[in-house]
Amino acid sequence: MAREIYITEATYIKDLTLNIVFNDGTAQEINFRYFLQRYPHPQYNKYGNPDKFKDFQLAEGNIVWGKNWDLIFPIEQLYQGKI
C-alpha cells in the first residue's frame, strides 16, 4: 500500500524559494520564480512579489496562497522538486 505524502513544514528561504519538508522526512528546496514567470495568470501574478509570496499557509497537507487557494501545486511535483 502506497503511503500518502503530504507537507509538514514549509520555510521561506529567499526570493521566491521555499524549503519544503514532507511527512517521510524528505526535503526539497524549490524556487517558484520560473513557474510564475513562465506561466503568467491574472489570478496568481501577484505572488511574483516576494512580500505576497511569503504569505503562504499549509492547508490539508499542501502549500496554498490566498484565502481561496489562488495558487497551489500538486504534492507529487513538489515532492520530486519540480513544478
N, C-alpha and C. Protein backbone atom coordinates (compact mmCIF):
# COMPACT_ATOMS: atom_id res chain seq x y z
N MET A 1 0.85 -1.19 0.00
CA MET A 1 0.00 0.00 0.00
C MET A 1 0.89 1.24 0.00
N ALA A 2 0.62 2.17 -0.90
CA ALA A 2 1.40 3.40 -1.00
C ALA A 2 1.08 4.34 0.16
N ARG A 3 2.10 4.96 0.65
CA ARG A 3 1.94 5.90 1.76
C ARG A 3 1.57 7.27 1.21
N GLU A 4 0.62 7.91 1.85
CA GLU A 4 0.21 9.25 1.43
C GLU A 4 1.30 10.25 1.81
N ILE A 5 1.71 11.04 0.84
CA ILE A 5 2.74 12.06 1.07
C ILE A 5 2.04 13.41 1.24
N TYR A 6 2.46 14.14 2.26
CA TYR A 6 1.94 15.48 2.47
C TYR A 6 3.03 16.35 3.09
N ILE A 7 2.81 17.63 3.03
CA ILE A 7 3.78 18.60 3.53
C ILE A 7 3.55 18.84 5.01
N THR A 8 4.62 18.79 5.77
CA THR A 8 4.52 19.04 7.22
C THR A 8 5.09 20.40 7.61
N GLU A 9 5.95 20.95 6.74
CA GLU A 9 6.61 22.22 7.07
C GLU A 9 7.06 22.90 5.79
N ALA A 10 6.97 24.21 5.76
CA ALA A 10 7.50 24.99 4.64
C ALA A 10 8.08 26.28 5.21
N THR A 11 9.28 26.59 4.76
CA THR A 11 10.00 27.76 5.25
C THR A 11 10.45 28.61 4.08
N TYR A 12 10.18 29.90 4.18
CA TYR A 12 10.64 30.84 3.17
C TYR A 12 12.15 30.98 3.31
N ILE A 13 12.88 30.86 2.19
CA ILE A 13 14.33 30.97 2.23
C ILE A 13 14.77 32.35 1.75
N LYS A 14 14.43 32.67 0.51
CA LYS A 14 14.75 33.98 -0.08
C LYS A 14 14.07 34.05 -1.43
N ASP A 15 14.04 35.26 -1.98
CA ASP A 15 13.48 35.45 -3.31
C ASP A 15 12.12 34.75 -3.39
N LEU A 16 11.95 33.80 -4.26
CA LEU A 16 10.70 33.03 -4.37
C LEU A 16 10.99 31.55 -4.12
N THR A 17 11.80 31.29 -3.10
CA THR A 17 12.25 29.93 -2.81
C THR A 17 11.77 29.49 -1.43
N LEU A 18 11.27 28.25 -1.38
CA LEU A 18 10.84 27.65 -0.13
C LEU A 18 11.59 26.35 0.12
N ASN A 19 11.82 26.04 1.37
CA ASN A 19 12.28 24.72 1.77
C ASN A 19 11.02 23.98 2.25
N ILE A 20 10.74 22.86 1.63
CA ILE A 20 9.51 22.11 1.91
C ILE A 20 9.90 20.76 2.49
N VAL A 21 9.28 20.40 3.62
CA VAL A 21 9.54 19.12 4.29
C VAL A 21 8.26 18.29 4.24
N PHE A 22 8.44 17.02 3.89
CA PHE A 22 7.31 16.10 3.75
C PHE A 22 7.26 15.14 4.93
N ASN A 23 6.13 14.47 5.08
CA ASN A 23 5.91 13.61 6.24
C ASN A 23 6.85 12.40 6.30
N ASP A 24 7.54 12.08 5.22
CA ASP A 24 8.51 10.98 5.28
C ASP A 24 9.93 11.49 5.55
N GLY A 25 10.08 12.80 5.82
CA GLY A 25 11.39 13.38 6.12
C GLY A 25 12.10 13.94 4.91
N THR A 26 11.61 13.68 3.72
CA THR A 26 12.20 14.24 2.51
C THR A 26 12.04 15.76 2.53
N ALA A 27 13.07 16.48 2.07
CA ALA A 27 13.01 17.94 1.99
C ALA A 27 13.42 18.37 0.59
N GLN A 28 12.76 19.38 0.09
CA GLN A 28 13.08 19.94 -1.22
C GLN A 28 13.17 21.46 -1.09
N GLU A 29 14.17 22.03 -1.73
CA GLU A 29 14.28 23.48 -1.84
C GLU A 29 13.82 23.84 -3.26
N ILE A 30 12.73 24.58 -3.35
CA ILE A 30 12.12 24.85 -4.66
C ILE A 30 12.01 26.35 -4.89
N ASN A 31 12.50 26.77 -6.06
CA ASN A 31 12.37 28.16 -6.49
C ASN A 31 11.17 28.23 -7.42
N PHE A 32 10.18 29.04 -7.06
CA PHE A 32 8.94 29.15 -7.80
C PHE A 32 8.99 30.25 -8.87
N ARG A 33 10.09 30.98 -8.96
CA ARG A 33 10.20 32.10 -9.90
C ARG A 33 9.96 31.67 -11.34
N TYR A 34 10.61 30.59 -11.74
CA TYR A 34 10.49 30.13 -13.13
C TYR A 34 9.02 29.89 -13.49
N PHE A 35 8.31 29.19 -12.63
CA PHE A 35 6.90 28.90 -12.90
C PHE A 35 6.10 30.19 -13.01
N LEU A 36 6.27 31.09 -12.07
CA LEU A 36 5.48 32.33 -12.06
C LEU A 36 5.78 33.22 -13.27
N GLN A 37 7.02 33.19 -13.74
CA GLN A 37 7.37 33.99 -14.91
C GLN A 37 6.93 33.31 -16.20
N ARG A 38 7.04 32.02 -16.26
CA ARG A 38 6.72 31.30 -17.49
C ARG A 38 5.22 31.14 -17.73
N TYR A 39 4.44 31.07 -16.67
CA TYR A 39 3.01 30.83 -16.78
C TYR A 39 2.21 31.95 -16.11
N PRO A 40 2.29 33.15 -16.66
CA PRO A 40 1.55 34.27 -16.04
C PRO A 40 0.04 34.02 -16.09
N HIS A 41 -0.62 34.46 -15.04
CA HIS A 41 -2.07 34.31 -14.94
C HIS A 41 -2.57 35.40 -14.00
N PRO A 42 -3.65 36.08 -14.35
CA PRO A 42 -4.15 37.18 -13.51
C PRO A 42 -4.43 36.77 -12.06
N GLN A 43 -4.81 35.52 -11.85
CA GLN A 43 -5.16 35.07 -10.50
C GLN A 43 -3.94 34.99 -9.59
N TYR A 44 -2.77 34.66 -10.13
CA TYR A 44 -1.62 34.49 -9.24
C TYR A 44 -0.38 35.27 -9.62
N ASN A 45 -0.47 36.20 -10.55
CA ASN A 45 0.69 37.04 -10.89
C ASN A 45 1.23 37.80 -9.67
N LYS A 46 0.33 38.18 -8.77
CA LYS A 46 0.74 38.95 -7.58
C LYS A 46 1.74 38.19 -6.70
N TYR A 47 1.78 36.86 -6.82
CA TYR A 47 2.70 36.08 -5.98
C TYR A 47 4.13 36.09 -6.50
N GLY A 48 4.36 36.77 -7.61
CA GLY A 48 5.72 37.04 -8.07
C GLY A 48 6.40 38.10 -7.22
N ASN A 49 5.62 38.81 -6.44
CA ASN A 49 6.14 39.79 -5.47
C ASN A 49 6.54 39.02 -4.21
N PRO A 50 7.82 39.08 -3.82
CA PRO A 50 8.25 38.31 -2.64
C PRO A 50 7.43 38.56 -1.38
N ASP A 51 6.96 39.78 -1.17
CA ASP A 51 6.15 40.04 0.03
C ASP A 51 4.83 39.27 -0.01
N LYS A 52 4.21 39.19 -1.17
CA LYS A 52 2.97 38.41 -1.33
C LYS A 52 3.27 36.91 -1.30
N PHE A 53 4.38 36.52 -1.92
CA PHE A 53 4.76 35.12 -1.99
C PHE A 53 4.96 34.54 -0.59
N LYS A 54 5.55 35.31 0.30
CA LYS A 54 5.81 34.85 1.67
C LYS A 54 4.53 34.56 2.45
N ASP A 55 3.41 35.07 1.97
CA ASP A 55 2.14 34.93 2.68
C ASP A 55 1.42 33.64 2.28
N PHE A 56 2.09 32.51 2.47
CA PHE A 56 1.51 31.20 2.17
C PHE A 56 1.07 30.55 3.46
N GLN A 57 0.33 29.47 3.32
CA GLN A 57 -0.05 28.69 4.50
C GLN A 57 -0.10 27.22 4.13
N LEU A 58 -0.03 26.37 5.14
CA LEU A 58 -0.21 24.94 4.93
C LEU A 58 -1.67 24.63 5.21
N ALA A 59 -2.28 23.92 4.27
CA ALA A 59 -3.69 23.54 4.43
C ALA A 59 -3.87 22.15 3.82
N GLU A 60 -4.40 21.26 4.59
CA GLU A 60 -4.67 19.89 4.14
C GLU A 60 -3.43 19.23 3.53
N GLY A 61 -2.27 19.50 4.14
CA GLY A 61 -1.03 18.87 3.71
C GLY A 61 -0.40 19.46 2.47
N ASN A 62 -0.83 20.64 2.07
CA ASN A 62 -0.28 21.29 0.89
C ASN A 62 0.03 22.74 1.21
N ILE A 63 0.77 23.39 0.32
CA ILE A 63 1.05 24.81 0.43
C ILE A 63 0.06 25.54 -0.45
N VAL A 64 -0.57 26.56 0.10
CA VAL A 64 -1.53 27.34 -0.67
C VAL A 64 -1.28 28.83 -0.45
N TRP A 65 -1.64 29.59 -1.44
CA TRP A 65 -1.56 31.05 -1.37
C TRP A 65 -2.96 31.60 -1.60
N GLY A 66 -3.31 32.60 -0.84
CA GLY A 66 -4.62 33.24 -0.98
C GLY A 66 -5.68 32.52 -0.18
N LYS A 67 -6.66 33.28 0.30
CA LYS A 67 -7.70 32.67 1.13
C LYS A 67 -8.60 31.72 0.34
N ASN A 68 -8.61 31.86 -0.98
CA ASN A 68 -9.39 30.95 -1.82
C ASN A 68 -8.49 29.98 -2.58
N TRP A 69 -7.29 29.78 -2.06
CA TRP A 69 -6.31 28.88 -2.67
C TRP A 69 -6.05 29.30 -4.11
N ASP A 70 -5.68 30.57 -4.29
CA ASP A 70 -5.39 31.12 -5.61
C ASP A 70 -4.28 30.34 -6.32
N LEU A 71 -3.32 29.88 -5.55
CA LEU A 71 -2.16 29.20 -6.11
C LEU A 71 -1.87 27.96 -5.27
N ILE A 72 -1.76 26.83 -5.94
CA ILE A 72 -1.49 25.55 -5.28
C ILE A 72 -0.78 24.65 -6.30
N PHE A 73 0.06 23.76 -5.83
CA PHE A 73 0.82 22.87 -6.71
C PHE A 73 0.58 21.43 -6.32
N PRO A 74 0.63 20.51 -7.28
CA PRO A 74 0.48 19.08 -6.96
C PRO A 74 1.60 18.61 -6.02
N ILE A 75 1.21 17.92 -4.98
CA ILE A 75 2.17 17.41 -3.99
C ILE A 75 3.24 16.55 -4.67
N GLU A 76 2.86 15.71 -5.62
CA GLU A 76 3.80 14.83 -6.27
C GLU A 76 4.92 15.60 -6.94
N GLN A 77 4.58 16.73 -7.58
CA GLN A 77 5.60 17.55 -8.24
C GLN A 77 6.51 18.21 -7.22
N LEU A 78 5.94 18.73 -6.16
CA LEU A 78 6.75 19.35 -5.12
C LEU A 78 7.69 18.32 -4.49
N TYR A 79 7.18 17.13 -4.26
CA TYR A 79 7.97 16.06 -3.66
C TYR A 79 9.18 15.71 -4.53
N GLN A 80 8.99 15.78 -5.85
CA GLN A 80 10.08 15.50 -6.78
C GLN A 80 10.97 16.72 -7.02
N GLY A 81 10.59 17.86 -6.43
CA GLY A 81 11.39 19.08 -6.59
C GLY A 81 11.15 19.77 -7.91
N LYS A 82 10.01 19.48 -8.55
CA LYS A 82 9.69 20.07 -9.85
C LYS A 82 8.34 20.77 -9.78
N ILE A 83 8.26 21.86 -10.50
CA ILE A 83 6.95 22.49 -10.69
C ILE A 83 6.84 22.98 -12.12
